[in-house]
Amino acid sequence: MFSQTYYLLRTRQDGQYLVATGQSDDTEPDTPPTQFLLLFNDHAEALSYLNTHAAGYADRFSVESQAGPQLLNVLKRWGYKGVGVVKDPLIPTVDFFAVTDS
């Protein structure tokens, strides 16, 4: 999975990546939610996702390409649980994969 180039959406304002947020695994009230970094297979798919689901905010994002091996560093640095690969940006259909610290 990490052998190809993926495209990510990043805000121009503060540099945060676009993520999918789920409920935390813990029952602790102060535990941050689980976040999965959203990945796109093509630059145009990332733009299509923005134009379909956040047209009013599209000018606040840029598309960034990342080689697969670099993604592991991004996941560790930002503390993401894993990745969500967007298969269809219009519906959207997303495949989620948890990444372990091995």
N, C-alpha and C. Protein backbone atom coordinates (compact mmCIF):
# COMPACT_ATOMS: atom_id res chain seq x y z
N MET A 1 0.80 -1.19 0.00
CA MET A 1 0.00 0.00 0.00
C MET A 1 0.85 1.26 0.00
N PHE A 2 1.96 1.22 0.70
CA PHE A 2 2.79 2.41 0.80
C PHE A 2 3.86 2.47 -0.28
N SER A 3 3.63 1.82 -1.41
CA SER A 3 4.62 1.82 -2.48
C SER A 3 4.28 2.80 -3.60
N GLN A 4 3.18 3.53 -3.48
CA GLN A 4 2.81 4.47 -4.54
C GLN A 4 2.70 5.88 -3.98
N THR A 5 2.43 6.84 -4.84
CA THR A 5 2.25 8.23 -4.43
C THR A 5 0.78 8.49 -4.16
N TYR A 6 0.51 9.17 -3.07
CA TYR A 6 -0.86 9.55 -2.70
C TYR A 6 -0.95 11.07 -2.65
N TYR A 7 -2.18 11.55 -2.67
CA TYR A 7 -2.44 12.99 -2.62
C TYR A 7 -3.25 13.28 -1.38
N LEU A 8 -2.86 14.33 -0.66
CA LEU A 8 -3.48 14.71 0.60
C LEU A 8 -3.98 16.14 0.47
N LEU A 9 -4.99 16.47 1.24
CA LEU A 9 -5.49 17.84 1.29
C LEU A 9 -4.99 18.47 2.57
N ARG A 10 -4.42 19.67 2.43
CA ARG A 10 -3.84 20.37 3.58
C ARG A 10 -4.32 21.81 3.59
N THR A 11 -4.69 22.30 4.76
CA THR A 11 -5.16 23.68 4.84
C THR A 11 -4.00 24.65 4.66
N ARG A 12 -4.29 25.71 3.97
CA ARG A 12 -3.26 26.74 3.78
C ARG A 12 -3.11 27.60 5.03
N GLN A 13 -4.14 27.63 5.86
CA GLN A 13 -4.15 28.50 7.01
C GLN A 13 -3.23 28.00 8.13
N ASP A 14 -3.37 26.73 8.53
CA ASP A 14 -2.58 26.24 9.65
C ASP A 14 -1.81 24.95 9.35
N GLY A 15 -1.89 24.45 8.12
CA GLY A 15 -1.11 23.28 7.75
C GLY A 15 -1.67 21.94 8.18
N GLN A 16 -2.88 21.93 8.73
CA GLN A 16 -3.52 20.67 9.14
C GLN A 16 -3.94 19.88 7.91
N TYR A 17 -3.86 18.56 8.01
CA TYR A 17 -4.33 17.68 6.94
C TYR A 17 -5.82 17.40 7.12
N LEU A 18 -6.49 17.08 6.02
CA LEU A 18 -7.89 16.68 6.07
C LEU A 18 -7.94 15.23 6.58
N VAL A 19 -8.71 15.01 7.63
CA VAL A 19 -8.79 13.70 8.26
C VAL A 19 -10.24 13.28 8.44
N ALA A 20 -10.44 12.00 8.62
CA ALA A 20 -11.72 11.46 9.05
C ALA A 20 -11.60 11.22 10.54
N THR A 21 -12.58 11.67 11.29
CA THR A 21 -12.54 11.56 12.74
C THR A 21 -13.59 10.58 13.22
N GLY A 22 -13.17 9.66 14.06
CA GLY A 22 -14.08 8.67 14.64
C GLY A 22 -14.10 8.79 16.13
N GLN A 23 -14.88 7.96 16.75
CA GLN A 23 -14.95 7.96 18.21
C GLN A 23 -13.68 7.34 18.77
N SER A 24 -13.32 7.80 19.93
CA SER A 24 -12.14 7.28 20.60
C SER A 24 -12.38 5.86 21.09
N ASP A 25 -11.32 5.07 21.14
CA ASP A 25 -11.40 3.71 21.66
C ASP A 25 -11.55 3.70 23.18
N ASP A 26 -11.10 4.77 23.82
CA ASP A 26 -11.11 4.84 25.28
C ASP A 26 -12.42 5.45 25.77
N THR A 27 -12.75 5.14 27.00
CA THR A 27 -13.94 5.71 27.62
C THR A 27 -13.60 6.97 28.40
N GLU A 28 -12.35 7.37 28.40
CA GLU A 28 -11.92 8.58 29.10
C GLU A 28 -12.50 9.80 28.39
N PRO A 29 -13.05 10.75 29.13
CA PRO A 29 -13.65 11.93 28.49
C PRO A 29 -12.64 12.86 27.83
N ASP A 30 -11.40 12.87 28.29
CA ASP A 30 -10.40 13.77 27.73
C ASP A 30 -9.57 13.15 26.62
N THR A 31 -9.90 11.95 26.20
CA THR A 31 -9.16 11.28 25.14
C THR A 31 -9.53 11.89 23.80
N PRO A 32 -8.52 12.29 23.01
CA PRO A 32 -8.84 12.88 21.70
C PRO A 32 -9.47 11.84 20.77
N PRO A 33 -10.26 12.28 19.81
CA PRO A 33 -10.89 11.34 18.89
C PRO A 33 -9.86 10.67 17.98
N THR A 34 -10.21 9.51 17.48
CA THR A 34 -9.36 8.78 16.56
C THR A 34 -9.40 9.48 15.20
N GLN A 35 -8.22 9.69 14.61
CA GLN A 35 -8.16 10.37 13.32
C GLN A 35 -7.43 9.51 12.29
N PHE A 36 -8.01 9.48 11.08
CA PHE A 36 -7.42 8.77 9.95
C PHE A 36 -7.12 9.79 8.86
N LEU A 37 -5.90 9.79 8.38
CA LEU A 37 -5.48 10.69 7.32
C LEU A 37 -6.14 10.28 6.01
N LEU A 38 -6.83 11.20 5.35
CA LEU A 38 -7.49 10.88 4.07
C LEU A 38 -6.49 10.96 2.93
N LEU A 39 -6.44 9.90 2.13
CA LEU A 39 -5.53 9.82 0.98
C LEU A 39 -6.35 9.68 -0.30
N PHE A 40 -5.85 10.28 -1.37
CA PHE A 40 -6.47 10.19 -2.68
C PHE A 40 -5.46 9.61 -3.65
N ASN A 41 -5.94 8.84 -4.62
CA ASN A 41 -5.06 8.20 -5.60
C ASN A 41 -4.63 9.14 -6.71
N ASP A 42 -5.34 10.26 -6.87
CA ASP A 42 -5.06 11.17 -7.97
C ASP A 42 -5.30 12.61 -7.51
N HIS A 43 -4.53 13.53 -8.05
CA HIS A 43 -4.67 14.95 -7.74
C HIS A 43 -6.09 15.42 -8.05
N ALA A 44 -6.62 15.02 -9.19
CA ALA A 44 -7.97 15.43 -9.60
C ALA A 44 -9.05 14.88 -8.66
N GLU A 45 -8.84 13.70 -8.11
CA GLU A 45 -9.81 13.14 -7.16
C GLU A 45 -9.87 13.97 -5.88
N ALA A 46 -8.73 14.45 -5.43
CA ALA A 46 -8.71 15.30 -4.24
C ALA A 46 -9.47 16.60 -4.50
N LEU A 47 -9.25 17.20 -5.66
CA LEU A 47 -9.97 18.43 -6.01
C LEU A 47 -11.46 18.16 -6.18
N SER A 48 -11.81 17.04 -6.76
CA SER A 48 -13.21 16.67 -6.93
C SER A 48 -13.90 16.51 -5.59
N TYR A 49 -13.22 15.90 -4.64
CA TYR A 49 -13.76 15.73 -3.29
C TYR A 49 -14.06 17.09 -2.67
N LEU A 50 -13.11 17.99 -2.76
CA LEU A 50 -13.32 19.33 -2.21
C LEU A 50 -14.48 20.05 -2.89
N ASN A 51 -14.51 20.02 -4.20
CA ASN A 51 -15.55 20.73 -4.93
C ASN A 51 -16.94 20.16 -4.67
N THR A 52 -17.02 18.87 -4.40
CA THR A 52 -18.30 18.22 -4.14
C THR A 52 -18.78 18.43 -2.71
N HIS A 53 -17.89 18.31 -1.74
CA HIS A 53 -18.29 18.29 -0.34
C HIS A 53 -17.95 19.54 0.45
N ALA A 54 -17.12 20.42 -0.10
CA ALA A 54 -16.74 21.63 0.62
C ALA A 54 -16.42 22.76 -0.35
N ALA A 55 -17.31 22.99 -1.30
CA ALA A 55 -17.03 23.98 -2.35
C ALA A 55 -16.73 25.36 -1.77
N GLY A 56 -17.39 25.72 -0.70
CA GLY A 56 -17.16 27.02 -0.09
C GLY A 56 -15.81 27.16 0.59
N TYR A 57 -15.15 26.05 0.84
CA TYR A 57 -13.86 26.06 1.52
C TYR A 57 -12.71 25.59 0.63
N ALA A 58 -12.99 25.29 -0.61
CA ALA A 58 -11.98 24.70 -1.50
C ALA A 58 -10.76 25.60 -1.66
N ASP A 59 -10.96 26.91 -1.62
CA ASP A 59 -9.82 27.81 -1.80
C ASP A 59 -8.91 27.85 -0.57
N ARG A 60 -9.30 27.22 0.51
CA ARG A 60 -8.50 27.18 1.74
C ARG A 60 -7.59 25.96 1.82
N PHE A 61 -7.68 25.07 0.83
CA PHE A 61 -6.89 23.85 0.82
C PHE A 61 -5.94 23.80 -0.37
N SER A 62 -4.88 23.08 -0.20
CA SER A 62 -3.99 22.76 -1.31
C SER A 62 -3.81 21.25 -1.35
N VAL A 63 -3.47 20.75 -2.52
CA VAL A 63 -3.23 19.32 -2.69
C VAL A 63 -1.73 19.08 -2.61
N GLU A 64 -1.35 18.12 -1.79
CA GLU A 64 0.06 17.80 -1.57
C GLU A 64 0.30 16.34 -1.92
N SER A 65 1.35 16.07 -2.66
CA SER A 65 1.67 14.68 -2.98
C SER A 65 2.68 14.15 -1.96
N GLN A 66 2.50 12.87 -1.62
CA GLN A 66 3.41 12.20 -0.69
C GLN A 66 3.71 10.80 -1.21
N ALA A 67 4.97 10.46 -1.24
CA ALA A 67 5.35 9.09 -1.57
C ALA A 67 4.99 8.20 -0.38
N GLY A 68 4.64 6.97 -0.66
CA GLY A 68 4.22 6.04 0.36
C GLY A 68 5.11 5.97 1.58
N PRO A 69 6.43 5.80 1.41
CA PRO A 69 7.30 5.72 2.59
C PRO A 69 7.27 6.97 3.46
N GLN A 70 7.02 8.13 2.89
CA GLN A 70 6.95 9.36 3.66
C GLN A 70 5.69 9.43 4.52
N LEU A 71 4.64 8.72 4.09
CA LEU A 71 3.38 8.75 4.83
C LEU A 71 3.53 8.22 6.25
N LEU A 72 4.36 7.23 6.42
CA LEU A 72 4.56 6.69 7.78
C LEU A 72 5.09 7.76 8.72
N ASN A 73 5.98 8.62 8.22
CA ASN A 73 6.50 9.72 9.04
C ASN A 73 5.40 10.72 9.37
N VAL A 74 4.54 11.02 8.40
CA VAL A 74 3.43 11.95 8.63
C VAL A 74 2.48 11.37 9.68
N LEU A 75 2.17 10.08 9.57
CA LEU A 75 1.27 9.44 10.53
C LEU A 75 1.83 9.51 11.95
N LYS A 76 3.12 9.24 12.09
CA LYS A 76 3.74 9.28 13.42
C LYS A 76 3.79 10.70 13.96
N ARG A 77 4.18 11.65 13.11
CA ARG A 77 4.34 13.03 13.56
C ARG A 77 3.03 13.64 14.05
N TRP A 78 1.94 13.35 13.33
CA TRP A 78 0.65 13.95 13.68
C TRP A 78 -0.20 13.05 14.58
N GLY A 79 0.24 11.83 14.83
CA GLY A 79 -0.46 10.94 15.75
C GLY A 79 -1.74 10.34 15.20
N TYR A 80 -1.78 10.11 13.90
CA TYR A 80 -2.97 9.52 13.29
C TYR A 80 -3.01 8.02 13.54
N LYS A 81 -4.22 7.49 13.67
CA LYS A 81 -4.43 6.06 13.91
C LYS A 81 -4.14 5.23 12.66
N GLY A 82 -4.36 5.82 11.49
CA GLY A 82 -4.16 5.13 10.22
C GLY A 82 -4.53 6.03 9.06
N VAL A 83 -4.91 5.40 7.96
CA VAL A 83 -5.26 6.16 6.76
C VAL A 83 -6.63 5.73 6.26
N GLY A 84 -7.25 6.62 5.53
CA GLY A 84 -8.49 6.34 4.83
C GLY A 84 -8.27 6.64 3.36
N VAL A 85 -8.27 5.62 2.52
CA VAL A 85 -8.05 5.80 1.09
C VAL A 85 -9.40 6.04 0.44
N VAL A 86 -9.57 7.21 -0.15
CA VAL A 86 -10.83 7.58 -0.78
C VAL A 86 -10.89 6.91 -2.16
N LYS A 87 -11.85 5.99 -2.32
CA LYS A 87 -12.00 5.27 -3.58
C LYS A 87 -12.92 6.00 -4.55
N ASP A 88 -13.95 6.65 -4.03
CA ASP A 88 -14.88 7.41 -4.87
C ASP A 88 -15.12 8.75 -4.19
N PRO A 89 -14.57 9.85 -4.74
CA PRO A 89 -14.68 11.13 -4.07
C PRO A 89 -16.08 11.74 -4.13
N LEU A 90 -16.95 11.27 -4.99
CA LEU A 90 -18.27 11.86 -5.11
C LEU A 90 -19.26 11.33 -4.08
N ILE A 91 -19.13 10.04 -3.69
CA ILE A 91 -20.13 9.45 -2.78
C ILE A 91 -19.84 9.81 -1.32
N PRO A 92 -18.77 9.83 -0.68
CA PRO A 92 -17.49 9.19 -0.92
C PRO A 92 -17.43 7.77 -0.34
N THR A 93 -16.61 6.97 -0.97
CA THR A 93 -16.34 5.62 -0.49
C THR A 93 -14.90 5.62 0.02
N VAL A 94 -14.71 5.20 1.26
CA VAL A 94 -13.39 5.26 1.89
C VAL A 94 -13.04 3.91 2.50
N ASP A 95 -11.85 3.41 2.23
CA ASP A 95 -11.33 2.20 2.87
C ASP A 95 -10.37 2.63 3.98
N PHE A 96 -10.65 2.21 5.21
CA PHE A 96 -9.82 2.60 6.34
C PHE A 96 -8.84 1.48 6.70
N PHE A 97 -7.61 1.91 7.02
CA PHE A 97 -6.56 0.97 7.41
C PHE A 97 -5.86 1.53 8.65
N ALA A 98 -5.83 0.75 9.70
CA ALA A 98 -5.09 1.15 10.91
C ALA A 98 -3.62 0.80 10.71
N VAL A 99 -2.77 1.64 11.23
CA VAL A 99 -1.33 1.42 11.12
C VAL A 99 -0.79 1.18 12.51
N THR A 100 -0.02 0.10 12.66
CA THR A 100 0.55 -0.22 13.95
C THR A 100 1.98 0.31 14.04
N ASP A 101 2.52 0.37 15.24
CA ASP A 101 3.87 0.88 15.47
C ASP A 101 4.93 -0.20 15.35
N SER A 102 4.89 -1.02 14.31
CA SER A 102 5.90 -2.06 14.20
C SER A 102 7.04 -1.63 13.34
